Amino acid sequence: MRGLTARQREVLLLAANGNTNAEIAAWRGVTPHSVAEILSAAYRRLGAADRAQAVAIALAVGELGVHQIHIPDQQREAAA
């Protein structure tokens, strides 16, 4: 498996933190279609079928760190 590019890692991290393609596109200054293409390329590199699996694989292989995933306060409180 090849590692993710810096852009793929950044976009996947934004997605992992609950952002939509449209939100990511606005922050990156690209179209939502471009975000979808970047994510699709990341899925292929990771061997993932979808966003959730890509995040799980990226965490497992060290492409993303668990400390980079932000849990909203209300979800954190509900889990406690």
Protein backbone atom coordinates (compact mmCIF):
# COMPACT_ATOMS: atom_id res chain seq x y z
CA MET A 1 0.00 0.00 0.00
CA ARG A 2 1.30 3.42 -0.92
CA GLY A 3 0.96 6.18 1.63
CA LEU A 4 -1.42 9.08 1.23
CA THR A 5 -0.32 12.37 -0.25
CA ALA A 6 -0.34 15.39 2.05
CA ARG A 7 -3.52 16.67 0.36
CA GLN A 8 -5.28 13.31 0.66
CA ARG A 9 -4.32 13.08 4.34
CA GLU A 10 -5.55 16.62 5.02
CA VAL A 11 -8.89 16.10 3.25
CA LEU A 12 -9.44 12.70 4.86
CA LEU A 13 -8.74 14.22 8.27
CA LEU A 14 -11.27 16.98 7.63
CA ALA A 15 -13.79 14.33 6.59
CA ALA A 16 -12.96 12.21 9.65
CA ASN A 17 -13.84 15.19 11.81
CA GLY A 18 -17.36 15.30 10.41
CA ASN A 19 -17.03 17.87 7.65
CA THR A 20 -19.00 17.53 4.44
CA ASN A 21 -17.41 17.67 1.01
CA ALA A 22 -18.98 21.12 0.53
CA GLU A 23 -17.46 22.41 3.79
CA ILE A 24 -14.04 20.98 2.94
CA ALA A 25 -14.27 22.48 -0.56
CA ALA A 26 -15.04 25.94 0.83
CA TRP A 27 -12.04 25.82 3.17
CA ARG A 28 -9.69 24.45 0.51
CA GLY A 29 -10.92 26.80 -2.22
CA VAL A 30 -11.90 23.96 -4.55
CA THR A 31 -15.17 22.41 -5.73
CA PRO A 32 -16.99 19.65 -3.85
CA HIS A 33 -16.30 17.46 -6.90
CA SER A 34 -12.56 18.00 -6.39
CA VAL A 35 -12.91 16.98 -2.76
CA ALA A 36 -14.76 13.82 -3.82
CA GLU A 37 -11.96 13.02 -6.29
CA ILE A 38 -9.28 13.53 -3.63
CA LEU A 39 -11.17 11.26 -1.23
CA SER A 40 -11.70 8.62 -3.93
CA ALA A 41 -7.97 8.60 -4.63
CA ALA A 42 -7.31 8.23 -0.88
CA TYR A 43 -9.77 5.31 -0.68
CA ARG A 44 -7.98 3.57 -3.56
CA ARG A 45 -4.56 4.04 -1.93
CA LEU A 46 -5.86 2.67 1.35
CA GLY A 47 -7.89 -0.14 -0.22
CA ALA A 48 -11.07 1.24 1.34
CA ALA A 49 -14.63 1.11 0.05
CA ASP A 50 -15.93 4.25 1.74
CA ARG A 51 -15.18 7.18 4.06
CA ALA A 52 -15.61 5.26 7.32
CA GLN A 53 -13.40 2.38 6.21
CA ALA A 54 -10.77 4.82 4.90
CA VAL A 55 -10.63 6.58 8.26
CA ALA A 56 -10.38 3.26 10.11
CA ILE A 57 -7.57 2.01 7.87
CA ALA A 58 -5.75 5.35 8.02
CA LEU A 59 -5.85 5.21 11.82
CA ALA A 60 -4.70 1.58 11.86
CA VAL A 61 -1.71 2.17 9.57
CA GLY A 62 -0.67 5.49 11.11
CA GLU A 63 -1.73 7.84 8.30
CA LEU A 64 -3.96 9.61 10.83
CA GLY A 65 -3.53 9.78 14.58
CA VAL A 66 -6.39 9.20 16.98
CA HIS A 67 -5.43 12.48 18.68
CA GLN A 68 -6.36 14.27 15.43
CA ILE A 69 -10.00 13.17 15.65
CA HIS A 70 -12.07 15.69 17.59
CA ILE A 71 -15.06 14.35 19.50
CA PRO A 72 -17.84 16.93 20.00
CA ASP A 73 -18.40 17.67 23.71
CA GLN A 74 -21.97 16.32 23.74
CA GLN A 75 -20.82 12.98 22.29
CA ARG A 76 -17.93 12.84 24.76
CA GLU A 77 -20.34 13.41 27.67
CA ALA A 78 -22.80 10.79 26.36
CA ALA A 79 -19.99 8.20 26.15
CA ALA A 80 -18.86 8.81 29.72
